[in-house]
Amino acid sequence: MHVGAVQPGERALVIDDLIATGGTLCAAIRLLERVGVKVVECACVIELPELKGREKLGETPLFILVSSTEPEKETEA
């Protein structure tokens, strides 16, 4: 993050392409909060829910465009 990109007291929306384990979003939130910015929501294009990244965000709202799920295994009859 560039020095001066945000100012204390500002509000931010964090956007990422993918949420898997949640590590990138959590790091971005922590970085912004350290300089006094309030993260009001996160948004991602794709979520891999089986990796439970959403759980790491706590109370931060998360908007997802596409949620991927593992394909169901076919059973033979």
Protein backbone atom coordinates (compact mmCIF):
# COMPACT_ATOMS: atom_id res chain seq x y z
CA MET A 1 0.00 0.00 0.00
CA HIS A 2 1.37 3.40 -0.92
CA VAL A 3 2.06 5.93 1.80
CA GLY A 4 -0.78 8.46 1.75
CA ALA A 5 -3.12 6.21 -0.24
CA VAL A 6 -5.63 6.32 2.61
CA GLN A 7 -6.15 8.57 5.61
CA PRO A 8 -7.27 7.76 9.14
CA GLY A 9 -11.05 7.93 9.43
CA GLU A 10 -11.74 6.94 5.83
CA ARG A 11 -13.99 4.01 4.93
CA ALA A 12 -12.86 1.31 2.51
CA LEU A 13 -14.21 -1.51 0.39
CA VAL A 14 -11.65 -4.28 -0.16
CA ILE A 15 -12.04 -6.10 -3.48
CA ASP A 16 -10.24 -9.30 -4.44
CA ASP A 17 -10.67 -11.79 -7.25
CA LEU A 18 -10.89 -14.88 -5.06
CA ILE A 19 -11.44 -15.83 -1.44
CA ALA A 20 -10.12 -19.24 -0.53
CA THR A 21 -8.52 -19.43 2.93
CA GLY A 22 -9.14 -15.74 3.65
CA GLY A 23 -5.49 -14.89 4.21
CA THR A 24 -5.22 -12.10 1.64
CA LEU A 25 -8.40 -10.34 2.71
CA CYS A 26 -7.49 -10.60 6.40
CA ALA A 27 -4.05 -9.14 5.71
CA ALA A 28 -5.56 -6.25 3.74
CA ILE A 29 -8.09 -5.53 6.49
CA ARG A 30 -5.38 -5.55 9.18
CA LEU A 31 -3.17 -3.24 7.14
CA LEU A 32 -5.98 -0.74 6.60
CA GLU A 33 -7.11 -0.88 10.22
CA ARG A 34 -3.53 -0.22 11.40
CA VAL A 35 -3.62 3.17 9.66
CA GLY A 36 -7.09 4.00 11.01
CA VAL A 37 -9.31 3.07 8.07
CA LYS A 38 -12.70 1.41 8.66
CA VAL A 39 -13.25 -1.53 6.29
CA VAL A 40 -17.00 -1.53 5.66
CA GLU A 41 -17.21 -4.53 3.32
CA CYS A 42 -15.21 -6.97 1.23
CA ALA A 43 -16.15 -8.20 -2.23
CA CYS A 44 -14.82 -11.11 -4.26
CA VAL A 45 -15.62 -12.51 -7.67
CA ILE A 46 -15.21 -16.17 -6.64
CA GLU A 47 -15.49 -17.96 -3.30
CA LEU A 48 -14.22 -21.44 -2.56
CA PRO A 49 -16.48 -22.10 0.47
CA GLU A 50 -14.95 -25.48 1.30
CA LEU A 51 -11.78 -23.64 2.44
CA LYS A 52 -13.78 -21.57 4.98
CA GLY A 53 -12.11 -18.22 4.28
CA ARG A 54 -15.32 -16.35 5.08
CA GLU A 55 -15.02 -17.45 8.72
CA LYS A 56 -11.73 -15.53 9.13
CA LEU A 57 -13.40 -12.21 8.27
CA GLY A 58 -15.44 -12.15 11.45
CA GLU A 59 -18.17 -9.51 11.28
CA THR A 60 -16.89 -7.86 8.07
CA PRO A 61 -19.61 -8.22 5.39
CA LEU A 62 -18.59 -10.18 2.29
CA PHE A 63 -20.20 -9.91 -1.16
CA ILE A 64 -19.59 -12.86 -3.52
CA LEU A 65 -20.43 -12.92 -7.21
CA VAL A 66 -19.85 -16.66 -7.81
CA SER A 67 -19.59 -19.38 -5.18
CA SER A 68 -17.83 -22.52 -6.30
CA THR A 69 -18.74 -25.87 -4.83
CA GLU A 70 -17.14 -29.24 -5.28
CA PRO A 71 -19.02 -31.34 -7.84
CA GLU A 72 -21.10 -34.10 -6.34
CA LYS A 73 -19.70 -37.56 -6.90
CA GLU A 74 -21.94 -39.76 -8.98
CA THR A 75 -22.94 -43.06 -7.42
CA GLU A 76 -23.36 -46.11 -9.52
CA ALA A 77 -26.83 -47.68 -9.41
